[in-house]
PDB file of N, CA and C in Angstrom:
ATOM      1  N   UNK A   1      64.959 132.147 100.229  1.00  0.00           N
ATOM      2  CA  UNK A   1      63.832 132.778 100.573  1.00  0.00           C
ATOM      3  C   UNK A   1      63.838 132.345 102.290  1.00  0.00           C
ATOM      4  N   UNK A   2      64.601 131.578 102.957  1.00  0.00           N
ATOM      5  CA  UNK A   2      64.644 131.435 104.739  1.00  0.00           C
ATOM      6  C   UNK A   2      65.503 131.984 105.154  1.00  0.00           C
ATOM      7  N   UNK A   3      66.828 131.813 104.043  1.00  0.00           N
ATOM      8  CA  UNK A   3      68.327 132.368 104.673  1.00  0.00           C
ATOM      9  C   UNK A   3      67.542 134.646 104.062  1.00  0.00           C
ATOM     10  N   UNK A   4      67.406 133.872 103.095  1.00  0.00           N
ATOM     11  CA  UNK A   4      67.748 136.531 103.047  1.00  0.00           C
ATOM     12  C   UNK A   4      66.279 136.630 103.989  1.00  0.00           C
ATOM     13  N   UNK A   5      65.565 135.710 104.995  1.00  0.00           N
ATOM     14  CA  UNK A   5      64.020 136.773 105.418  1.00  0.00           C
ATOM     15  C   UNK A   5      65.341 137.028 107.614  1.00  0.00           C
ATOM     16  N   UNK A   6      65.659 135.804 106.111  1.00  0.00           N
ATOM     17  CA  UNK A   6      67.415 135.928 108.435  1.00  0.00           C
ATOM     18  C   UNK A   6      68.345 136.088 107.809  1.00  0.00           C
ATOM     19  N   UNK A   7      68.268 137.916 106.776  1.00  0.00           N
ATOM     20  CA  UNK A   7      69.466 138.329 106.724  1.00  0.00           C
ATOM     21  C   UNK A   7      70.475 138.377 105.678  1.00  0.00           C
ATOM     22  N   UNK A   8      70.477 137.653 105.397  1.00  0.00           N
ATOM     23  CA  UNK A   8      71.754 136.615 103.702  1.00  0.00           C
ATOM     24  C   UNK A   8      70.801 138.196 102.507  1.00  0.00           C
ATOM     25  N   UNK A   9      72.092 138.831 102.570  1.00  0.00           N
ATOM     26  CA  UNK A   9      72.192 139.808 101.595  1.00  0.00           C
ATOM     27  C   UNK A   9      71.772 138.403  99.957  1.00  0.00           C
ATOM     28  N   UNK A  10      70.500 138.993  99.584  1.00  0.00           N
ATOM     29  CA  UNK A  10      69.978 138.591  97.828  1.00  0.00           C
ATOM     30  C   UNK A  10      71.283 139.668  96.933  1.00  0.00           C
ATOM     31  N   UNK A  11      71.248 139.103  95.623  1.00  0.00           N
ATOM     32  CA  UNK A  11      72.356 139.905  94.327  1.00  0.00           C
ATOM     33  C   UNK A  11      71.842 139.446  93.802  1.00  0.00           C
ATOM     34  N   UNK A  12      71.600 140.053  92.202  1.00  0.00           N
ATOM     35  CA  UNK A  12      71.305 139.711  91.158  1.00  0.00           C
ATOM     36  C   UNK A  12      72.485 139.669  89.960  1.00  0.00           C
ATOM     37  N   UNK A  13      72.023 138.082  89.658  1.00  0.00           N
ATOM     38  CA  UNK A  13      72.767 137.088  89.081  1.00  0.00           C
ATOM     39  C   UNK A  13      72.363 137.258  87.565  1.00  0.00           C
ATOM     40  N   UNK A  14      73.131 138.025  86.645  1.00  0.00           N
ATOM     41  CA  UNK A  14      72.782 137.295  85.332  1.00  0.00           C
ATOM     42  C   UNK A  14      73.063 136.548  84.473  1.00  0.00           C
ATOM     43  N   UNK A  15      72.954 136.636  83.709  1.00  0.00           N
ATOM     44  CA  UNK A  15      73.438 135.359  82.093  1.00  0.00           C
ATOM     45  C   UNK A  15      74.545 135.272  82.125  1.00  0.00           C
ATOM     46  N   UNK A  16      75.183 135.729  81.751  1.00  0.00           N
ATOM     47  CA  UNK A  16      77.300 135.579  82.137  1.00  0.00           C
ATOM     48  C   UNK A  16      77.730 135.146  83.278  1.00  0.00           C
ATOM     49  N   UNK A  17      76.454 134.922  84.090  1.00  0.00           N
ATOM     50  CA  UNK A  17      77.200 134.687  85.791  1.00  0.00           C
ATOM     51  C   UNK A  17      77.729 136.191  86.561  1.00  0.00           C
ATOM     52  N   UNK A  18      77.749 136.907  86.247  1.00  0.00           N
ATOM     53  CA  UNK A  18      78.065 139.048  87.197  1.00  0.00           C
ATOM     54  C   UNK A  18      77.027 138.827  87.854  1.00  0.00           C
ATOM     55  N   UNK A  19      77.434 139.186  89.501  1.00  0.00           N
ATOM     56  CA  UNK A  19      77.125 139.659  90.188  1.00  0.00           C
ATOM     57  C   UNK A  19      77.048 140.932  90.101  1.00  0.00           C
ATOM     58  N   UNK A  20      75.244 141.312  90.682  1.00  0.00           N
ATOM     59  CA  UNK A  20      75.719 142.875  91.587  1.00  0.00           C
ATOM     60  C   UNK A  20      74.665 142.795  92.908  1.00  0.00           C
ATOM     61  N   UNK A  21      75.327 143.657  93.614  1.00  0.00           N
ATOM     62  CA  UNK A  21      75.007 143.906  94.732  1.00  0.00           C
ATOM     63  C   UNK A  21      73.723 145.339  94.499  1.00  0.00           C
ATOM     64  N   UNK A  22      72.491 144.802  95.741  1.00  0.00           N
ATOM     65  CA  UNK A  22      71.767 146.075  95.702  1.00  0.00           C
ATOM     66  C   UNK A  22      72.450 146.464  96.448  1.00  0.00           C
ATOM     67  N   UNK A  23      71.829 147.884  96.196  1.00  0.00           N
ATOM     68  CA  UNK A  23      72.437 148.973  97.520  1.00  0.00           C
ATOM     69  C   UNK A  23      71.376 149.800  97.321  1.00  0.00           C
ATOM     70  N   UNK A  24      71.677 150.696  99.243  1.00  0.00           N
ATOM     71  CA  UNK A  24      70.455 151.520  98.465  1.00  0.00           C
ATOM     72  C   UNK A  24      70.688 152.858  97.873  1.00  0.00           C
ATOM     73  N   UNK A  25      69.775 154.361  98.135  1.00  0.00           N
ATOM     74  CA  UNK A  25      70.474 155.073  97.220  1.00  0.00           C
ATOM     75  C   UNK A  25      71.507 156.105  98.634  1.00  0.00           C
ATOM     76  N   UNK A  26      71.101 155.939  98.910  1.00  0.00           N
ATOM     77  CA  UNK A  26      71.802 157.124 100.189  1.00  0.00           C
ATOM     78  C   UNK A  26      71.750 156.538 101.392  1.00  0.00           C
ATOM     79  N   UNK A  27      73.527 156.661 101.755  1.00  0.00           N
ATOM     80  CA  UNK A  27      73.500 156.267 103.256  1.00  0.00           C
ATOM     81  C   UNK A  27      72.404 156.690 104.870  1.00  0.00           C
ATOM     82  N   UNK A  28      72.517 156.071 105.795  1.00  0.00           N
ATOM     83  CA  UNK A  28      73.191 154.792 105.290  1.00  0.00           C
ATOM     84  C   UNK A  28      72.945 154.086 104.634  1.00  0.00           C
ATOM     85  N   UNK A  29      73.437 152.497 104.151  1.00  0.00           N
ATOM     86  CA  UNK A  29      72.478 151.586 103.965  1.00  0.00           C
ATOM     87  C   UNK A  29      72.250 151.006 104.015  1.00  0.00           C
ATOM     88  N   UNK A  30      71.173 150.582 103.583  1.00  0.00           N
ATOM     89  CA  UNK A  30      69.983 149.528 103.740  1.00  0.00           C
ATOM     90  C   UNK A  30      70.203 148.873 102.764  1.00  0.00           C
ATOM     91  N   UNK A  31      69.906 147.811 104.191  1.00  0.00           N
ATOM     92  CA  UNK A  31      69.233 146.353 102.521  1.00  0.00           C
ATOM     93  C   UNK A  31      68.491 146.733 102.069  1.00  0.00           C
ATOM     94  N   UNK A  32      68.238 145.867 100.725  1.00  0.00           N
ATOM     95  CA  UNK A  32      67.828 145.522 100.007  1.00  0.00           C
ATOM     96  C   UNK A  32      67.153 143.929  99.833  1.00  0.00           C
ATOM     97  N   UNK A  33      66.689 143.466 100.410  1.00  0.00           N
ATOM     98  CA  UNK A  33      66.128 141.823 100.964  1.00  0.00           C
ATOM     99  C   UNK A  33      64.351 141.813 101.030  1.00  0.00           C
ATOM    100  N   UNK A  34      63.978 143.070 101.526  1.00  0.00           N
ATOM    101  CA  UNK A  34      62.324 142.994 100.894  1.00  0.00           C
ATOM    102  C   UNK A  34      62.234 143.335 100.395  1.00  0.00           C
ATOM    103  N   UNK A  35      62.383 144.191  99.287  1.00  0.00           N
ATOM    104  CA  UNK A  35      62.599 144.244  97.704  1.00  0.00           C
ATOM    105  C   UNK A  35      62.722 143.100  96.945  1.00  0.00           C
ATOM    106  N   UNK A  36      63.540 142.183  97.455  1.00  0.00           N
ATOM    107  CA  UNK A  36      64.146 141.472  96.214  1.00  0.00           C
ATOM    108  C   UNK A  36      63.665 139.658  97.094  1.00  0.00           C
ATOM    109  N   UNK A  37      63.106 139.646  98.222  1.00  0.00           N
ATOM    110  CA  UNK A  37      62.259 138.526  97.589  1.00  0.00           C
ATOM    111  C   UNK A  37      61.332 137.865  97.314  1.00  0.00           C
ATOM    112  N   UNK A  38      60.794 138.844  96.964  1.00  0.00           N
ATOM    113  CA  UNK A  38      59.165 138.233  96.391  1.00  0.00           C
ATOM    114  C   UNK A  38      59.827 138.047  95.184  1.00  0.00           C
ATOM    115  N   UNK A  39      60.905 137.982  94.570  1.00  0.00           N
ATOM    116  CA  UNK A  39      61.420 137.975  92.902  1.00  0.00           C
ATOM    117  C   UNK A  39      62.949 136.568  93.186  1.00  0.00           C
ATOM    118  N   UNK A  40      62.791 136.040  94.746  1.00  0.00           N
ATOM    119  CA  UNK A  40      63.648 135.188  94.663  1.00  0.00           C
ATOM    120  C   UNK A  40      64.095 133.516  94.512  1.00  0.00           C
ATOM    121  N   UNK A  41      64.988 133.623  92.996  1.00  0.00           N
ATOM    122  CA  UNK A  41      64.519 132.229  91.908  1.00  0.00           C
ATOM    123  C   UNK A  41      64.135 132.571  91.459  1.00  0.00           C
ATOM    124  N   UNK A  42      63.882 134.200  90.226  1.00  0.00           N
ATOM    125  CA  UNK A  42      63.136 134.267  89.336  1.00  0.00           C
ATOM    126  C   UNK A  42      63.854 135.264  87.971  1.00  0.00           C
ATOM    127  N   UNK A  43      63.663 135.160  87.381  1.00  0.00           N
ATOM    128  CA  UNK A  43      64.406 135.520  86.035  1.00  0.00           C
ATOM    129  C   UNK A  43      62.812 137.319  86.873  1.00  0.00           C
ATOM    130  N   UNK A  44      64.483 138.265  86.570  1.00  0.00           N
ATOM    131  CA  UNK A  44      63.019 139.381  86.833  1.00  0.00           C
ATOM    132  C   UNK A  44      64.377 140.702  85.695  1.00  0.00           C
ATOM    133  N   UNK A  45      62.992 141.731  85.314  1.00  0.00           N
ATOM    134  CA  UNK A  45      64.030 142.842  84.462  1.00  0.00           C
ATOM    135  C   UNK A  45      64.136 143.901  85.884  1.00  0.00           C
ATOM    136  N   UNK A  46      65.625 144.482  85.810  1.00  0.00           N
ATOM    137  CA  UNK A  46      65.669 145.214  87.144  1.00  0.00           C
ATOM    138  C   UNK A  46      66.888 147.225  85.777  1.00  0.00           C
ATOM    139  N   UNK A  47      66.059 148.265  86.484  1.00  0.00           N
ATOM    140  CA  UNK A  47      66.461 149.407  85.586  1.00  0.00           C
ATOM    141  C   UNK A  47      67.315 149.698  87.145  1.00  0.00           C
ATOM    142  N   UNK A  48      68.188 150.962  86.853  1.00  0.00           N
ATOM    143  CA  UNK A  48      68.660 151.523  87.656  1.00  0.00           C
ATOM    144  C   UNK A  48      69.720 152.226  87.880  1.00  0.00           C
ATOM    145  N   UNK A  49      70.657 152.438  88.401  1.00  0.00           N
ATOM    146  CA  UNK A  49      72.241 153.098  88.136  1.00  0.00           C
ATOM    147  C   UNK A  49      72.931 151.484  89.052  1.00  0.00           C
ATOM    148  N   UNK A  50      73.807 151.738  87.629  1.00  0.00           N
ATOM    149  CA  UNK A  50      74.539 150.774  88.430  1.00  0.00           C
ATOM    150  C   UNK A  50      76.341 151.911  88.599  1.00  0.00           C
ATOM    151  N   UNK A  51      77.124 150.913  89.704  1.00  0.00           N
ATOM    152  CA  UNK A  51      78.053 151.637  90.274  1.00  0.00           C
ATOM    153  C   UNK A  51      79.220 150.426  90.381  1.00  0.00           C
ATOM    154  N   UNK A  52      80.302 150.853  89.957  1.00  0.00           N
ATOM    155  CA  UNK A  52      81.150 150.063  89.522  1.00  0.00           C
ATOM    156  C   UNK A  52      82.744 150.015  90.580  1.00  0.00           C
ATOM    157  N   UNK A  53      82.879 149.308  91.484  1.00  0.00           N
ATOM    158  CA  UNK A  53      84.379 149.798  91.946  1.00  0.00           C
ATOM    159  C   UNK A  53      85.308 148.462  92.479  1.00  0.00           C
ATOM    160  N   UNK A  54      86.596 148.733  92.218  1.00  0.00           N
ATOM    161  CA  UNK A  54      87.177 147.524  92.452  1.00  0.00           C
ATOM    162  C   UNK A  54      86.983 145.779  92.537  1.00  0.00           C
ATOM    163  N   UNK A  55      86.697 146.289  91.347  1.00  0.00           N
ATOM    164  CA  UNK A  55      85.898 145.029  90.531  1.00  0.00           C
ATOM    165  C   UNK A  55      84.028 144.202  91.198  1.00  0.00           C
ATOM    166  N   UNK A  56      84.480 144.793  92.207  1.00  0.00           N
ATOM    167  CA  UNK A  56      82.554 145.245  92.785  1.00  0.00           C
ATOM    168  C   UNK A  56      81.451 145.243  91.670  1.00  0.00           C
ATOM    169  N   UNK A  57      80.098 145.058  91.494  1.00  0.00           N
ATOM    170  CA  UNK A  57      79.308 145.812  90.833  1.00  0.00           C
ATOM    171  C   UNK A  57      77.909 146.381  91.696  1.00  0.00           C
ATOM    172  N   UNK A  58      76.918 147.057  91.998  1.00  0.00           N
ATOM    173  CA  UNK A  58      76.546 146.942  92.603  1.00  0.00           C
ATOM    174  C   UNK A  58      74.839 148.122  92.233  1.00  0.00           C
ATOM    175  N   UNK A  59      74.582 147.850  92.151  1.00  0.00           N
ATOM    176  CA  UNK A  59      73.067 149.042  91.715  1.00  0.00           C
ATOM    177  C   UNK A  59      71.640 149.210  92.537  1.00  0.00           C
ATOM    178  N   UNK A  60      71.564 150.513  92.394  1.00  0.00           N
ATOM    179  CA  UNK A  60      70.789 151.302  93.589  1.00  0.00           C
ATOM    180  C   UNK A  60      69.416 150.946  91.744  1.00  0.00           C
ATOM    181  N   UNK A  61      68.466 150.071  93.203  1.00  0.00           N
ATOM    182  CA  UNK A  61      67.062 149.487  91.592  1.00  0.00           C
ATOM    183  C   UNK A  61      65.983 150.254  91.464  1.00  0.00           C
ATOM    184  N   UNK A  62      66.256 150.909  90.430  1.00  0.00           N
ATOM    185  CA  UNK A  62      64.743 151.727  90.223  1.00  0.00           C
ATOM    186  C   UNK A  62      63.665 151.282  90.093  1.00  0.00           C
ATOM    187  N   UNK A  63      63.708 149.645  89.383  1.00  0.00           N
ATOM    188  CA  UNK A  63      62.376 149.668  89.034  1.00  0.00           C
ATOM    189  C   UNK A  63      62.986 148.012  89.141  1.00  0.00           C
ATOM    190  N   UNK A  64      62.293 147.009  89.613  1.00  0.00           N
ATOM    191  CA  UNK A  64      61.747 145.774  89.348  1.00  0.00           C
ATOM    192  C   UNK A  64      61.040 145.072  89.738  1.00  0.00           C
ATOM    193  N   UNK A  65      60.881 144.322  88.185  1.00  0.00           N
ATOM    194  CA  UNK A  65      59.521 143.266  88.064  1.00  0.00           C
ATOM    195  C   UNK A  65      60.286 141.901  87.200  1.00  0.00           C
ATOM    196  N   UNK A  66      58.972 141.244  86.943  1.00  0.00           N
ATOM    197  CA  UNK A  66      59.282 139.658  86.706  1.00  0.00           C
ATOM    198  C   UNK A  66      59.593 139.906  85.364  1.00  0.00           C
ATOM    199  N   UNK A  67      60.641 138.938  84.775  1.00  0.00           N
ATOM    200  CA  UNK A  67      60.656 139.010  83.618  1.00  0.00           C
ATOM    201  C   UNK A  67      59.851 138.074  82.628  1.00  0.00           C
ATOM    202  N   UNK A  68      59.739 139.294  81.027  1.00  0.00           N
ATOM    203  CA  UNK A  68      58.438 138.511  80.385  1.00  0.00           C
ATOM    204  C   UNK A  68      58.840 136.938  79.629  1.00  0.00           C
TER     205      UNK A  68
END
Protein backbone atom coordinates (compact mmCIF):
# COMPACT_ATOMS: atom_id res chain seq x y z
CA UNK A 1 0.00 0.00 0.00
CA UNK A 2 2.85 2.39 0.82
CA UNK A 3 4.39 1.81 -2.61
CA UNK A 4 1.03 2.40 -4.33
CA UNK A 5 0.50 5.62 -2.39
CA UNK A 6 3.99 6.70 -3.50
CA UNK A 7 3.06 6.13 -7.15
CA UNK A 8 3.86 2.51 -8.01
CA UNK A 9 1.00 1.34 -10.23
CA UNK A 10 -1.31 -1.37 -8.97
CA UNK A 11 -2.45 -4.08 -11.38
CA UNK A 12 -5.15 -6.72 -11.35
CA UNK A 13 -3.83 -10.29 -11.23
CA UNK A 14 -6.17 -13.11 -12.20
CA UNK A 15 -6.08 -16.63 -10.76
CA UNK A 16 -4.37 -17.88 -13.93
CA UNK A 17 -1.59 -15.29 -13.61
CA UNK A 18 -2.84 -12.84 -16.23
CA UNK A 19 -2.06 -9.19 -15.44
CA UNK A 20 -4.42 -6.36 -16.35
CA UNK A 21 -3.29 -2.73 -16.21
CA UNK A 22 -6.14 -0.49 -14.99
CA UNK A 23 -6.49 2.52 -17.28
CA UNK A 24 -8.71 5.57 -17.47
CA UNK A 25 -11.39 5.83 -20.11
CA UNK A 26 -10.21 9.09 -21.73
CA UNK A 27 -6.82 10.60 -22.45
CA UNK A 28 -4.77 11.90 -20.88
CA UNK A 29 -4.46 8.70 -18.88
CA UNK A 30 -4.94 8.96 -15.13
CA UNK A 31 -3.63 6.47 -12.61
CA UNK A 32 -6.21 4.22 -11.00
CA UNK A 33 -4.41 3.63 -7.68
CA UNK A 34 -6.89 5.75 -5.70
CA UNK A 35 -9.67 3.37 -6.76
CA UNK A 36 -7.59 0.23 -6.19
CA UNK A 37 -5.77 0.90 -2.90
CA UNK A 38 -8.77 -0.17 -0.76
CA UNK A 39 -8.62 -3.56 -2.50
CA UNK A 40 -4.83 -4.09 -2.52
CA UNK A 41 -3.98 -7.72 -1.79
CA UNK A 42 -7.64 -8.80 -1.81
CA UNK A 43 -9.76 -10.81 -4.22
CA UNK A 44 -12.11 -8.61 -6.21
CA UNK A 45 -14.71 -8.82 -8.93
CA UNK A 46 -14.12 -6.29 -11.72
CA UNK A 47 -16.48 -5.29 -14.51
CA UNK A 48 -15.23 -3.15 -17.40
CA UNK A 49 -13.91 -2.94 -20.93
CA UNK A 50 -10.79 -4.93 -21.77
CA UNK A 51 -8.17 -3.80 -24.29
CA UNK A 52 -5.50 -6.08 -25.78
CA UNK A 53 -2.45 -4.50 -27.43
CA UNK A 54 0.87 -6.13 -28.25
CA UNK A 55 0.61 -8.78 -25.54
CA UNK A 56 -0.47 -6.30 -22.84
CA UNK A 57 -3.91 -6.33 -21.29
CA UNK A 58 -5.65 -3.28 -19.88
CA UNK A 59 -9.06 -2.70 -18.33
CA UNK A 60 -11.21 0.39 -17.94
CA UNK A 61 -12.92 -0.39 -14.63
CA UNK A 62 -16.67 0.22 -14.62
CA UNK A 63 -17.09 -1.36 -11.18
CA UNK A 64 -14.94 -3.11 -8.60
CA UNK A 65 -16.11 -4.90 -5.47
CA UNK A 66 -14.75 -7.41 -2.96
CA UNK A 67 -15.27 -10.98 -4.15
CA UNK A 68 -17.83 -12.87 -2.11
